[in-house]
Every structure is written in structure tokens, then in C-alpha cells.
């Protein structure tokens, strides 16, 4: 979607948190563990997910 001056800036800022299942292992109180590096969501993974799922172009 291109910027339309008639609409203004309304709705152009979006904050999203992307997590994979199992994120809770680092937050729980008993038996906490680190999330393996292969299971973490990278910036490239997040951009690809948004592009495929919603057709959003990330700049």
C-alpha cells in the first residue's frame, strides 16, 4: 500500500510480536531453559511470514 496524503498517517505504524510455539520455556518459573537459536524468529523469517500471509511489503 502506498502512502496517500488524503488519508494521512492514520494506521501506518504497526507493532507486531511473532513467536513460535514453545516460547514459554524461557518465561516459566520451574525448569527454565534458553530458546535454541534454530527455534528463534529472525528478522528475515518475520518479513517472509508477513509477505506470504498478508501480502505486506516491509520497508
PDB file of N, CA and C in Angstrom:
ATOM      1  N   UNK A   1       0.841  -1.160   0.000  1.00  0.00           N
ATOM      2  CA  UNK A   1       0.000   0.000   0.000  1.00  0.00           C
ATOM      3  C   UNK A   1       0.895   1.235   0.000  1.00  0.00           C
ATOM      4  N   UNK A   2       0.625   2.132  -0.863  1.00  0.00           N
ATOM      5  CA  UNK A   2       1.387   3.377  -0.937  1.00  0.00           C
ATOM      6  C   UNK A   2       0.760   4.421  -0.020  1.00  0.00           C
ATOM      7  N   UNK A   3       1.561   5.385   0.398  1.00  0.00           N
ATOM      8  CA  UNK A   3       1.080   6.467   1.255  1.00  0.00           C
ATOM      9  C   UNK A   3       0.159   7.371   0.464  1.00  0.00           C
ATOM     10  N   UNK A   4      -1.012   7.627   1.010  1.00  0.00           N
ATOM     11  CA  UNK A   4      -1.989   8.510   0.377  1.00  0.00           C
ATOM     12  C   UNK A   4      -2.129   9.756   1.248  1.00  0.00           C
ATOM     13  N   UNK A   5      -1.727  10.930   0.747  1.00  0.00           N
ATOM     14  CA  UNK A   5      -1.799  12.148   1.560  1.00  0.00           C
ATOM     15  C   UNK A   5      -3.225  12.496   1.989  1.00  0.00           C
ATOM     16  N   UNK A   6      -4.220  12.043   1.250  1.00  0.00           N
ATOM     17  CA  UNK A   6      -5.608  12.338   1.612  1.00  0.00           C
ATOM     18  C   UNK A   6      -6.016  11.614   2.895  1.00  0.00           C
ATOM     19  N   UNK A   7      -5.457  10.415   3.125  1.00  0.00           N
ATOM     20  CA  UNK A   7      -5.780   9.644   4.326  1.00  0.00           C
ATOM     21  C   UNK A   7      -4.979  10.151   5.513  1.00  0.00           C
ATOM     22  N   UNK A   8      -3.729  10.496   5.295  1.00  0.00           N
ATOM     23  CA  UNK A   8      -2.864  10.936   6.383  1.00  0.00           C
ATOM     24  C   UNK A   8      -2.053   9.780   6.932  1.00  0.00           C
ATOM     25  N   UNK A   9      -1.534   9.954   8.119  1.00  0.00           N
ATOM     26  CA  UNK A   9      -0.636   8.983   8.718  1.00  0.00           C
ATOM     27  C   UNK A   9      -1.405   7.946   9.538  1.00  0.00           C
ATOM     28  N   UNK A  10      -2.688   8.061   9.634  1.00  0.00           N
ATOM     29  CA  UNK A  10      -3.504   7.155  10.449  1.00  0.00           C
ATOM     30  C   UNK A  10      -3.299   5.712  10.025  1.00  0.00           C
ATOM     31  N   UNK A  11      -2.907   4.862  10.964  1.00  0.00           N
ATOM     32  CA  UNK A  11      -2.787   3.433  10.702  1.00  0.00           C
ATOM     33  C   UNK A  11      -1.503   2.997  10.029  1.00  0.00           C
ATOM     34  N   UNK A  12      -0.512   3.844   9.932  1.00  0.00           N
ATOM     35  CA  UNK A  12       0.716   3.462   9.248  1.00  0.00           C
ATOM     36  C   UNK A  12       1.737   2.822  10.197  1.00  0.00           C
ATOM     37  N   UNK A  13       1.612   3.052  11.507  1.00  0.00           N
ATOM     38  CA  UNK A  13       2.542   2.469  12.475  1.00  0.00           C
ATOM     39  C   UNK A  13       1.934   1.196  13.050  1.00  0.00           C
ATOM     40  N   UNK A  14       2.674   0.097  12.963  1.00  0.00           N
ATOM     41  CA  UNK A  14       2.181  -1.194  13.430  1.00  0.00           C
ATOM     42  C   UNK A  14       3.272  -1.852  14.269  1.00  0.00           C
ATOM     43  N   UNK A  15       2.881  -2.429  15.394  1.00  0.00           N
ATOM     44  CA  UNK A  15       3.798  -3.185  16.235  1.00  0.00           C
ATOM     45  C   UNK A  15       3.308  -4.621  16.310  1.00  0.00           C
ATOM     46  N   UNK A  16       4.203  -5.578  16.026  1.00  0.00           N
ATOM     47  CA  UNK A  16       3.834  -6.987  15.992  1.00  0.00           C
ATOM     48  C   UNK A  16       4.887  -7.786  16.749  1.00  0.00           C
ATOM     49  N   UNK A  17       4.448  -8.800  17.496  1.00  0.00           N
ATOM     50  CA  UNK A  17       5.358  -9.723  18.166  1.00  0.00           C
ATOM     51  C   UNK A  17       5.099 -11.106  17.589  1.00  0.00           C
ATOM     52  N   UNK A  18       6.095 -11.685  16.950  1.00  0.00           N
ATOM     53  CA  UNK A  18       5.958 -13.018  16.367  1.00  0.00           C
ATOM     54  C   UNK A  18       6.738 -14.013  17.218  1.00  0.00           C
ATOM     55  N   UNK A  19       6.059 -15.092  17.625  1.00  0.00           N
ATOM     56  CA  UNK A  19       6.690 -16.127  18.444  1.00  0.00           C
ATOM     57  C   UNK A  19       6.331 -17.485  17.883  1.00  0.00           C
ATOM     58  N   UNK A  20       7.206 -18.432  18.105  1.00  0.00           N
ATOM     59  CA  UNK A  20       6.922 -19.818  17.754  1.00  0.00           C
ATOM     60  C   UNK A  20       6.368 -20.526  18.988  1.00  0.00           C
ATOM     61  N   UNK A  21       5.674 -21.645  18.794  1.00  0.00           N
ATOM     62  CA  UNK A  21       5.220 -22.415  19.951  1.00  0.00           C
ATOM     63  C   UNK A  21       6.421 -22.863  20.787  1.00  0.00           C
ATOM     64  N   UNK A  22       6.277 -22.818  22.104  1.00  0.00           N
ATOM     65  CA  UNK A  22       7.367 -23.205  22.991  1.00  0.00           C
ATOM     66  C   UNK A  22       8.125 -22.024  23.555  1.00  0.00           C
ATOM     67  N   UNK A  23       7.677 -20.829  23.296  1.00  0.00           N
ATOM     68  CA  UNK A  23       8.342 -19.623  23.798  1.00  0.00           C
ATOM     69  C   UNK A  23       8.295 -19.562  25.330  1.00  0.00           C
ATOM     70  N   UNK A  24       7.336 -20.232  25.920  1.00  0.00           N
ATOM     71  CA  UNK A  24       7.116 -20.170  27.361  1.00  0.00           C
ATOM     72  C   UNK A  24       8.251 -20.802  28.165  1.00  0.00           C
ATOM     73  N   UNK A  25       9.075 -21.641  27.563  1.00  0.00           N
ATOM     74  CA  UNK A  25      10.118 -22.327  28.337  1.00  0.00           C
ATOM     75  C   UNK A  25      11.122 -21.355  28.945  1.00  0.00           C
ATOM     76  N   UNK A  26      11.275 -20.180  28.376  1.00  0.00           N
ATOM     77  CA  UNK A  26      12.201 -19.212  28.971  1.00  0.00           C
ATOM     78  C   UNK A  26      11.497 -18.310  29.975  1.00  0.00           C
ATOM     79  N   UNK A  27      10.177 -18.322  30.020  1.00  0.00           N
ATOM     80  CA  UNK A  27       9.420 -17.459  30.922  1.00  0.00           C
ATOM     81  C   UNK A  27       8.911 -18.177  32.167  1.00  0.00           C
ATOM     82  N   UNK A  28       8.807 -19.506  32.115  1.00  0.00           N
ATOM     83  CA  UNK A  28       8.212 -20.224  33.242  1.00  0.00           C
ATOM     84  C   UNK A  28       9.129 -20.210  34.460  1.00  0.00           C
ATOM     85  N   UNK A  29       8.548 -20.490  35.619  1.00  0.00           N
ATOM     86  CA  UNK A  29       9.283 -20.387  36.875  1.00  0.00           C
ATOM     87  C   UNK A  29      10.145 -21.616  37.146  1.00  0.00           C
ATOM     88  N   UNK A  30       9.628 -22.793  36.846  1.00  0.00           N
ATOM     89  CA  UNK A  30      10.340 -24.043  37.110  1.00  0.00           C
ATOM     90  C   UNK A  30      10.916 -24.573  35.801  1.00  0.00           C
ATOM     91  N   UNK A  31      12.142 -25.045  35.838  1.00  0.00           N
ATOM     92  CA  UNK A  31      12.819 -25.660  34.686  1.00  0.00           C
ATOM     93  C   UNK A  31      12.891 -24.718  33.494  1.00  0.00           C
ATOM     94  N   UNK A  32      13.394 -23.504  33.724  1.00  0.00           N
ATOM     95  CA  UNK A  32      13.545 -22.565  32.613  1.00  0.00           C
ATOM     96  C   UNK A  32      14.736 -22.966  31.748  1.00  0.00           C
ATOM     97  N   UNK A  33      14.624 -22.720  30.480  1.00  0.00           N
ATOM     98  CA  UNK A  33      15.685 -23.015  29.518  1.00  0.00           C
ATOM     99  C   UNK A  33      15.752 -21.893  28.495  1.00  0.00           C
ATOM    100  N   UNK A  34      16.884 -21.804  27.834  1.00  0.00           N
ATOM    101  CA  UNK A  34      17.015 -20.850  26.741  1.00  0.00           C
ATOM    102  C   UNK A  34      16.376 -21.430  25.489  1.00  0.00           C
ATOM    103  N   UNK A  35      15.909 -20.547  24.631  1.00  0.00           N
ATOM    104  CA  UNK A  35      15.343 -20.981  23.362  1.00  0.00           C
ATOM    105  C   UNK A  35      16.502 -21.241  22.406  1.00  0.00           C
ATOM    106  N   UNK A  36      16.544 -22.402  21.754  1.00  0.00           N
ATOM    107  CA  UNK A  36      17.632 -22.690  20.819  1.00  0.00           C
ATOM    108  C   UNK A  36      17.655 -21.683  19.670  1.00  0.00           C
ATOM    109  N   UNK A  37      18.837 -21.419  19.156  1.00  0.00           N
ATOM    110  CA  UNK A  37      18.967 -20.416  18.098  1.00  0.00           C
ATOM    111  C   UNK A  37      18.193 -20.799  16.846  1.00  0.00           C
ATOM    112  N   UNK A  38      18.066 -22.076  16.568  1.00  0.00           N
ATOM    113  CA  UNK A  38      17.307 -22.501  15.393  1.00  0.00           C
ATOM    114  C   UNK A  38      15.813 -22.324  15.542  1.00  0.00           C
ATOM    115  N   UNK A  39      15.336 -22.141  16.776  1.00  0.00           N
ATOM    116  CA  UNK A  39      13.900 -22.007  17.034  1.00  0.00           C
ATOM    117  C   UNK A  39      13.475 -20.545  17.166  1.00  0.00           C
ATOM    118  N   UNK A  40      14.436 -19.640  17.236  1.00  0.00           N
ATOM    119  CA  UNK A  40      14.115 -18.221  17.364  1.00  0.00           C
ATOM    120  C   UNK A  40      13.624 -17.664  16.036  1.00  0.00           C
ATOM    121  N   UNK A  41      12.781 -16.657  16.107  1.00  0.00           N
ATOM    122  CA  UNK A  41      12.265 -15.998  14.912  1.00  0.00           C
ATOM    123  C   UNK A  41      13.233 -14.880  14.545  1.00  0.00           C
ATOM    124  N   UNK A  42      13.808 -14.969  13.348  1.00  0.00           N
ATOM    125  CA  UNK A  42      14.733 -13.938  12.887  1.00  0.00           C
ATOM    126  C   UNK A  42      13.962 -12.859  12.132  1.00  0.00           C
ATOM    127  N   UNK A  43      14.630 -11.779  11.835  1.00  0.00           N
ATOM    128  CA  UNK A  43      14.007 -10.688  11.088  1.00  0.00           C
ATOM    129  C   UNK A  43      13.588 -11.171   9.707  1.00  0.00           C
ATOM    130  N   UNK A  44      14.436 -11.962   9.060  1.00  0.00           N
ATOM    131  CA  UNK A  44      14.108 -12.472   7.729  1.00  0.00           C
ATOM    132  C   UNK A  44      12.896 -13.399   7.768  1.00  0.00           C
ATOM    133  N   UNK A  45      12.798 -14.236   8.815  1.00  0.00           N
ATOM    134  CA  UNK A  45      11.634 -15.107   8.976  1.00  0.00           C
ATOM    135  C   UNK A  45      10.356 -14.285   9.135  1.00  0.00           C
ATOM    136  N   UNK A  46      10.427 -13.234   9.937  1.00  0.00           N
ATOM    137  CA  UNK A  46       9.253 -12.400  10.186  1.00  0.00           C
ATOM    138  C   UNK A  46       8.804 -11.679   8.924  1.00  0.00           C
ATOM    139  N   UNK A  47       9.752 -11.143   8.166  1.00  0.00           N
ATOM    140  CA  UNK A  47       9.415 -10.441   6.925  1.00  0.00           C
ATOM    141  C   UNK A  47       8.811 -11.406   5.918  1.00  0.00           C
ATOM    142  N   UNK A  48       9.378 -12.603   5.796  1.00  0.00           N
ATOM    143  CA  UNK A  48       8.841 -13.603   4.868  1.00  0.00           C
ATOM    144  C   UNK A  48       7.436 -14.032   5.275  1.00  0.00           C
ATOM    145  N   UNK A  49       7.192 -14.209   6.578  1.00  0.00           N
ATOM    146  CA  UNK A  49       5.863 -14.594   7.060  1.00  0.00           C
ATOM    147  C   UNK A  49       4.828 -13.518   6.738  1.00  0.00           C
ATOM    148  N   UNK A  50       5.162 -12.255   7.001  1.00  0.00           N
ATOM    149  CA  UNK A  50       4.224 -11.171   6.717  1.00  0.00           C
ATOM    150  C   UNK A  50       3.955 -11.037   5.227  1.00  0.00           C
ATOM    151  N   UNK A  51       4.987 -11.244   4.422  1.00  0.00           N
ATOM    152  CA  UNK A  51       4.835 -11.134   2.976  1.00  0.00           C
ATOM    153  C   UNK A  51       3.955 -12.250   2.432  1.00  0.00           C
ATOM    154  N   UNK A  52       4.165 -13.487   2.887  1.00  0.00           N
ATOM    155  CA  UNK A  52       3.392 -14.623   2.393  1.00  0.00           C
ATOM    156  C   UNK A  52       1.956 -14.617   2.917  1.00  0.00           C
ATOM    157  N   UNK A  53       1.787 -14.328   4.206  1.00  0.00           N
ATOM    158  CA  UNK A  53       0.471 -14.444   4.831  1.00  0.00           C
ATOM    159  C   UNK A  53      -0.449 -13.270   4.516  1.00  0.00           C
ATOM    160  N   UNK A  54       0.095 -12.058   4.545  1.00  0.00           N
ATOM    161  CA  UNK A  54      -0.749 -10.877   4.431  1.00  0.00           C
ATOM    162  C   UNK A  54      -0.442 -10.012   3.212  1.00  0.00           C
ATOM    163  N   UNK A  55       0.598 -10.341   2.475  1.00  0.00           N
ATOM    164  CA  UNK A  55       0.949  -9.548   1.303  1.00  0.00           C
ATOM    165  C   UNK A  55       1.473  -8.164   1.667  1.00  0.00           C
ATOM    166  N   UNK A  56       2.121  -8.048   2.827  1.00  0.00           N
ATOM    167  CA  UNK A  56       2.627  -6.769   3.314  1.00  0.00           C
ATOM    168  C   UNK A  56       4.060  -6.589   2.846  1.00  0.00           C
ATOM    169  N   UNK A  57       4.368  -5.414   2.342  1.00  0.00           N
ATOM    170  CA  UNK A  57       5.737  -5.102   1.937  1.00  0.00           C
ATOM    171  C   UNK A  57       6.412  -4.340   3.073  1.00  0.00           C
ATOM    172  N   UNK A  58       7.459  -4.904   3.637  1.00  0.00           N
ATOM    173  CA  UNK A  58       8.179  -4.280   4.745  1.00  0.00           C
ATOM    174  C   UNK A  58       9.326  -3.466   4.172  1.00  0.00           C
ATOM    175  N   UNK A  59       9.391  -2.227   4.598  1.00  0.00           N
ATOM    176  CA  UNK A  59      10.437  -1.342   4.083  1.00  0.00           C
ATOM    177  C   UNK A  59      11.505  -1.123   5.108  1.00  0.00           C
TER     178      UNK A  59
END
